[in-house]
Structure formats: structure tokens, C-alpha cells
N, C-alpha and C. Protein backbone atom coordinates (compact mmCIF):
# COMPACT_ATOMS: atom_id res chain seq x y z
N MET A 1 0.85 -1.18 0.00
CA MET A 1 0.00 0.00 0.00
C MET A 1 0.89 1.24 0.00
N THR A 2 0.54 2.18 -0.83
CA THR A 2 1.32 3.41 -0.96
C THR A 2 1.09 4.32 0.25
N VAL A 3 2.18 4.93 0.73
CA VAL A 3 2.09 5.85 1.87
C VAL A 3 2.50 7.24 1.41
N TYR A 4 1.68 8.25 1.74
CA TYR A 4 1.97 9.64 1.41
C TYR A 4 2.10 10.43 2.71
N THR A 5 2.90 11.48 2.64
CA THR A 5 2.93 12.40 3.78
C THR A 5 1.68 13.27 3.71
N PHE A 6 1.36 13.91 4.81
CA PHE A 6 0.18 14.77 4.86
C PHE A 6 0.30 15.89 3.82
N SER A 7 1.50 16.46 3.68
CA SER A 7 1.70 17.54 2.70
C SER A 7 1.45 17.05 1.28
N GLU A 8 1.98 15.86 0.94
CA GLU A 8 1.75 15.30 -0.39
C GLU A 8 0.26 15.06 -0.62
N ALA A 9 -0.41 14.56 0.40
CA ALA A 9 -1.84 14.26 0.27
C ALA A 9 -2.64 15.52 -0.01
N ARG A 10 -2.28 16.61 0.64
CA ARG A 10 -2.99 17.88 0.39
C ARG A 10 -2.75 18.35 -1.04
N GLN A 11 -1.51 18.25 -1.51
CA GLN A 11 -1.17 18.76 -2.83
C GLN A 11 -1.72 17.90 -3.96
N LYS A 12 -1.80 16.60 -3.74
CA LYS A 12 -2.18 15.67 -4.80
C LYS A 12 -3.46 14.92 -4.44
N PHE A 13 -4.40 15.59 -3.82
CA PHE A 13 -5.57 14.90 -3.28
C PHE A 13 -6.35 14.14 -4.36
N ALA A 14 -6.61 14.76 -5.49
CA ALA A 14 -7.38 14.10 -6.56
C ALA A 14 -6.65 12.85 -7.06
N ALA A 15 -5.33 12.95 -7.23
CA ALA A 15 -4.55 11.80 -7.69
C ALA A 15 -4.55 10.69 -6.64
N ILE A 16 -4.53 11.06 -5.37
CA ILE A 16 -4.54 10.06 -4.30
C ILE A 16 -5.89 9.34 -4.26
N LEU A 17 -6.98 10.08 -4.45
CA LEU A 17 -8.28 9.43 -4.49
C LEU A 17 -8.37 8.45 -5.66
N GLU A 18 -7.84 8.83 -6.79
CA GLU A 18 -7.84 7.94 -7.96
C GLU A 18 -7.01 6.69 -7.69
N ARG A 19 -5.86 6.88 -7.06
CA ARG A 19 -5.02 5.73 -6.74
C ARG A 19 -5.70 4.80 -5.74
N ALA A 20 -6.38 5.37 -4.75
CA ALA A 20 -7.13 4.56 -3.79
C ALA A 20 -8.23 3.77 -4.49
N ARG A 21 -8.87 4.40 -5.49
CA ARG A 21 -9.90 3.70 -6.25
C ARG A 21 -9.31 2.51 -7.00
N ARG A 22 -8.13 2.72 -7.62
CA ARG A 22 -7.49 1.65 -8.40
C ARG A 22 -6.91 0.56 -7.51
N GLU A 23 -6.22 0.95 -6.44
CA GLU A 23 -5.48 -0.02 -5.63
C GLU A 23 -6.25 -0.51 -4.41
N GLY A 24 -7.33 0.14 -4.05
CA GLY A 24 -8.12 -0.30 -2.92
C GLY A 24 -7.95 0.56 -1.68
N ALA A 25 -6.75 1.10 -1.45
CA ALA A 25 -6.51 1.95 -0.28
C ALA A 25 -5.17 2.65 -0.41
N VAL A 26 -5.06 3.79 0.27
CA VAL A 26 -3.82 4.56 0.31
C VAL A 26 -3.65 5.05 1.75
N ARG A 27 -2.40 5.08 2.24
CA ARG A 27 -2.13 5.57 3.59
C ARG A 27 -1.61 7.00 3.54
N VAL A 28 -2.00 7.79 4.55
CA VAL A 28 -1.50 9.16 4.71
C VAL A 28 -0.93 9.24 6.12
N LYS A 29 0.34 9.65 6.19
CA LYS A 29 1.01 9.71 7.49
C LYS A 29 1.29 11.15 7.87
N ARG A 30 0.89 11.51 9.09
CA ARG A 30 1.15 12.86 9.60
C ARG A 30 2.51 12.91 10.28
N ARG A 31 3.01 14.11 10.53
CA ARG A 31 4.31 14.29 11.18
C ARG A 31 4.36 13.67 12.57
N ASP A 32 3.21 13.69 13.27
CA ASP A 32 3.19 13.14 14.63
C ASP A 32 3.10 11.61 14.64
N GLY A 33 3.10 10.98 13.44
CA GLY A 33 3.11 9.53 13.36
C GLY A 33 1.75 8.89 13.13
N GLN A 34 0.68 9.65 13.27
CA GLN A 34 -0.65 9.08 13.02
C GLN A 34 -0.79 8.71 11.55
N VAL A 35 -1.40 7.57 11.31
CA VAL A 35 -1.59 7.08 9.94
C VAL A 35 -3.08 6.93 9.67
N PHE A 36 -3.50 7.40 8.53
CA PHE A 36 -4.90 7.31 8.11
C PHE A 36 -4.96 6.54 6.80
N ILE A 37 -6.02 5.81 6.62
CA ILE A 37 -6.22 5.06 5.39
C ILE A 37 -7.38 5.68 4.61
N ILE A 38 -7.13 5.96 3.34
CA ILE A 38 -8.18 6.45 2.45
C ILE A 38 -8.53 5.30 1.52
N GLN A 39 -9.80 4.93 1.53
CA GLN A 39 -10.24 3.85 0.65
C GLN A 39 -11.64 4.15 0.14
N PRO A 40 -11.97 3.63 -1.04
CA PRO A 40 -13.30 3.90 -1.60
C PRO A 40 -14.38 3.18 -0.79
N ASP A 41 -15.54 3.79 -0.72
CA ASP A 41 -16.68 3.19 -0.05
C ASP A 41 -17.34 2.22 -1.01
N ARG A 42 -17.55 1.02 -0.59
CA ARG A 42 -18.18 0.00 -1.44
C ARG A 42 -19.69 0.10 -1.29
N SER A 43 -20.36 0.24 -2.43
CA SER A 43 -21.81 0.32 -2.41
C SER A 43 -22.38 -1.08 -2.16
N PRO A 44 -23.36 -1.20 -1.27
CA PRO A 44 -23.93 -2.52 -1.00
C PRO A 44 -24.86 -3.01 -2.11
N HIS A 45 -25.17 -2.15 -3.06
CA HIS A 45 -26.11 -2.51 -4.12
C HIS A 45 -25.39 -2.63 -5.46
N SER A 46 -25.89 -3.52 -6.26
CA SER A 46 -25.37 -3.69 -7.61
C SER A 46 -25.96 -2.62 -8.51
N PRO A 47 -25.19 -2.11 -9.49
CA PRO A 47 -25.76 -1.15 -10.43
C PRO A 47 -26.86 -1.79 -11.29
N LEU A 48 -26.95 -3.13 -11.26
CA LEU A 48 -27.99 -3.82 -12.02
C LEU A 48 -29.29 -3.98 -11.23
N ASP A 49 -29.28 -3.59 -9.95
CA ASP A 49 -30.50 -3.62 -9.15
C ASP A 49 -31.37 -2.43 -9.53
N VAL A 50 -32.31 -2.67 -10.41
CA VAL A 50 -33.21 -1.60 -10.86
C VAL A 50 -34.65 -2.04 -10.64
N ALA A 51 -35.51 -1.07 -10.52
CA ALA A 51 -36.92 -1.37 -10.34
C ALA A 51 -37.49 -1.99 -11.61
N GLY A 52 -38.43 -2.88 -11.43
CA GLY A 52 -39.06 -3.53 -12.58
C GLY A 52 -40.03 -2.59 -13.27
N VAL A 53 -40.47 -3.01 -14.45
CA VAL A 53 -41.43 -2.24 -15.23
C VAL A 53 -42.71 -3.05 -15.30
N ASP A 54 -43.82 -2.42 -14.95
CA ASP A 54 -45.11 -3.12 -15.03
C ASP A 54 -45.61 -3.13 -16.46
N THR A 55 -45.84 -4.33 -16.99
CA THR A 55 -46.41 -4.47 -18.33
C THR A 55 -47.54 -5.49 -18.26
N ASP A 56 -48.31 -5.53 -19.28
CA ASP A 56 -49.38 -6.52 -19.36
C ASP A 56 -48.94 -7.69 -20.24
N LEU A 57 -47.64 -7.91 -20.37
CA LEU A 57 -47.11 -8.99 -21.21
C LEU A 57 -46.68 -10.17 -20.36
N SER A 58 -46.90 -11.35 -20.88
CA SER A 58 -46.42 -12.55 -20.19
C SER A 58 -44.95 -12.75 -20.56
N ALA A 59 -44.28 -13.62 -19.82
CA ALA A 59 -42.87 -13.92 -20.11
C ALA A 59 -42.74 -14.49 -21.53
N LYS A 60 -43.67 -15.34 -21.94
CA LYS A 60 -43.63 -15.92 -23.28
C LYS A 60 -43.74 -14.84 -24.35
N GLU A 61 -44.63 -13.87 -24.13
CA GLU A 61 -44.80 -12.79 -25.11
C GLU A 61 -43.53 -11.95 -25.22
N ILE A 62 -42.88 -11.69 -24.11
CA ILE A 62 -41.63 -10.92 -24.12
C ILE A 62 -40.55 -11.67 -24.89
N VAL A 63 -40.42 -12.97 -24.62
CA VAL A 63 -39.42 -13.78 -25.32
C VAL A 63 -39.71 -13.82 -26.81
N ASP A 64 -40.97 -13.96 -27.18
CA ASP A 64 -41.34 -13.98 -28.60
C ASP A 64 -40.98 -12.67 -29.29
N ILE A 65 -41.24 -11.55 -28.62
CA ILE A 65 -40.90 -10.23 -29.18
C ILE A 65 -39.40 -10.11 -29.38
N ILE A 66 -38.61 -10.53 -28.40
CA ILE A 66 -37.15 -10.44 -28.50
C ILE A 66 -36.64 -11.31 -29.64
N ARG A 67 -37.17 -12.53 -29.76
CA ARG A 67 -36.75 -13.43 -30.85
C ARG A 67 -37.07 -12.81 -32.21
N GLU A 68 -38.26 -12.23 -32.32
CA GLU A 68 -38.66 -11.61 -33.58
C GLU A 68 -37.73 -10.44 -33.93
N MET A 69 -37.40 -9.62 -32.93
CA MET A 69 -36.49 -8.49 -33.16
C MET A 69 -35.12 -8.98 -33.61
N ARG A 70 -34.62 -10.03 -32.97
CA ARG A 70 -33.30 -10.55 -33.34
C ARG A 70 -33.30 -11.10 -34.76
N GLN A 71 -34.37 -11.75 -35.16
CA GLN A 71 -34.46 -12.28 -36.52
C GLN A 71 -34.45 -11.14 -37.54
N HIS A 72 -35.19 -10.08 -37.23
CA HIS A 72 -35.22 -8.93 -38.14
C HIS A 72 -33.86 -8.25 -38.22
N GLU A 73 -33.20 -8.10 -37.09
CA GLU A 73 -31.86 -7.48 -37.07
C GLU A 73 -30.87 -8.32 -37.86
N SER A 74 -30.92 -9.63 -37.67
CA SER A 74 -30.00 -10.52 -38.36
C SER A 74 -30.23 -10.46 -39.87
N ALA A 75 -31.48 -10.50 -40.29
CA ALA A 75 -31.80 -10.45 -41.72
C ALA A 75 -31.39 -9.11 -42.31
N ALA A 76 -31.65 -8.03 -41.61
CA ALA A 76 -31.29 -6.70 -42.11
C ALA A 76 -29.78 -6.55 -42.21
N HIS A 77 -29.06 -7.12 -41.26
CA HIS A 77 -27.60 -7.02 -41.27
C HIS A 77 -27.03 -7.75 -42.47
N HIS A 78 -27.52 -8.94 -42.76
CA HIS A 78 -26.99 -9.73 -43.88
C HIS A 78 -27.36 -9.11 -45.22
N ILE A 79 -28.56 -8.59 -45.33
CA ILE A 79 -29.00 -8.01 -46.60
C ILE A 79 -28.36 -6.65 -46.84
N GLY A 80 -28.29 -5.82 -45.81
CA GLY A 80 -27.86 -4.44 -45.97
C GLY A 80 -26.37 -4.22 -45.94
N ASN A 81 -25.57 -5.28 -45.79
CA ASN A 81 -24.14 -5.10 -45.67
C ASN A 81 -23.45 -5.69 -46.90
N PRO A 82 -23.15 -4.88 -47.93
CA PRO A 82 -22.56 -5.41 -49.16
C PRO A 82 -21.19 -6.03 -48.94
N ARG A 83 -20.43 -5.55 -48.00
CA ARG A 83 -19.10 -6.14 -47.74
C ARG A 83 -19.23 -7.58 -47.30
N ARG A 84 -20.21 -7.83 -46.45
CA ARG A 84 -20.41 -9.19 -45.96
C ARG A 84 -20.79 -10.11 -47.13
N THR A 85 -21.64 -9.62 -48.02
CA THR A 85 -22.05 -10.41 -49.18
C THR A 85 -20.85 -10.71 -50.06
N ILE A 86 -19.99 -9.73 -50.27
CA ILE A 86 -18.79 -9.92 -51.10
C ILE A 86 -17.86 -10.93 -50.44
N ARG A 87 -17.67 -10.81 -49.13
CA ARG A 87 -16.79 -11.75 -48.42
C ARG A 87 -17.33 -13.17 -48.50
N LYS A 88 -18.66 -13.31 -48.35
CA LYS A 88 -19.25 -14.64 -48.42
C LYS A 88 -19.05 -15.23 -49.83
N ALA A 89 -19.21 -14.41 -50.86
CA ALA A 89 -19.04 -14.87 -52.23
C ALA A 89 -17.60 -15.27 -52.48
N ALA A 90 -16.67 -14.54 -51.91
CA ALA A 90 -15.25 -14.85 -52.11
C ALA A 90 -14.86 -16.14 -51.43
N ARG A 91 -15.54 -16.51 -50.35
CA ARG A 91 -15.21 -17.74 -49.63
C ARG A 91 -15.73 -18.98 -50.32
N LYS A 92 -16.76 -18.82 -51.16
CA LYS A 92 -17.32 -19.99 -51.84
C LYS A 92 -16.30 -20.57 -52.79
N LYS A 93 -16.15 -21.88 -52.72
CA LYS A 93 -15.19 -22.56 -53.60
C LYS A 93 -15.89 -22.97 -54.89
N PRO A 94 -15.23 -22.73 -56.03
CA PRO A 94 -15.84 -23.15 -57.30
C PRO A 94 -15.84 -24.67 -57.40
N ARG A 95 -16.86 -25.19 -58.05
CA ARG A 95 -16.98 -26.67 -58.18
C ARG A 95 -16.29 -27.16 -59.39
């Protein structure tokens, strides 16, 4: 763990906070010998914990909609991308 003097910590505070974020913690030592640890606060919640959305759709209907969207995206990608068509044609071996 990196140790900074109090003077360094005052002068480079933003850099020290960034280092604590990357490394987990940083120590700051005062002239009188006291040592303090600066470390990021860990959030108890996941950023993926979000409130649900109320819909009148069943799980099957949602899955069907997603599958349909993926099929349309896949078809549009293959049709609308001339480079892909050229590459596919170049890979075909003549008989």
C-alpha cells in the first residue's frame, strides 16, 4: 500500500483518491506519526438492481418479441451489408 505524507496528500488529493480507487486503499502519514487510510466506499447494491417495469405482457410474449427483433436485425444485417455479401461470395469454392 502506498504511503503519502500529509503535505503530499494535500497537494495531490485528486490523484490520491484515484489511486485509492485503483489499488483499494492509500495511507496518509502525519508528522506526529498518526496514519490514516483512504479507501473507496463500497456500495452494498449492484448497479444492475433496478426497479421492474409493469407491463401486461407474459414472459412468453416478451421472449417472442425479442426473438422476432433478433431475426429482423440478423436479416437486415446480412441483406444491408454489401461487404459481408462480397466476403461470403469470395469464400465460396468453385466446383
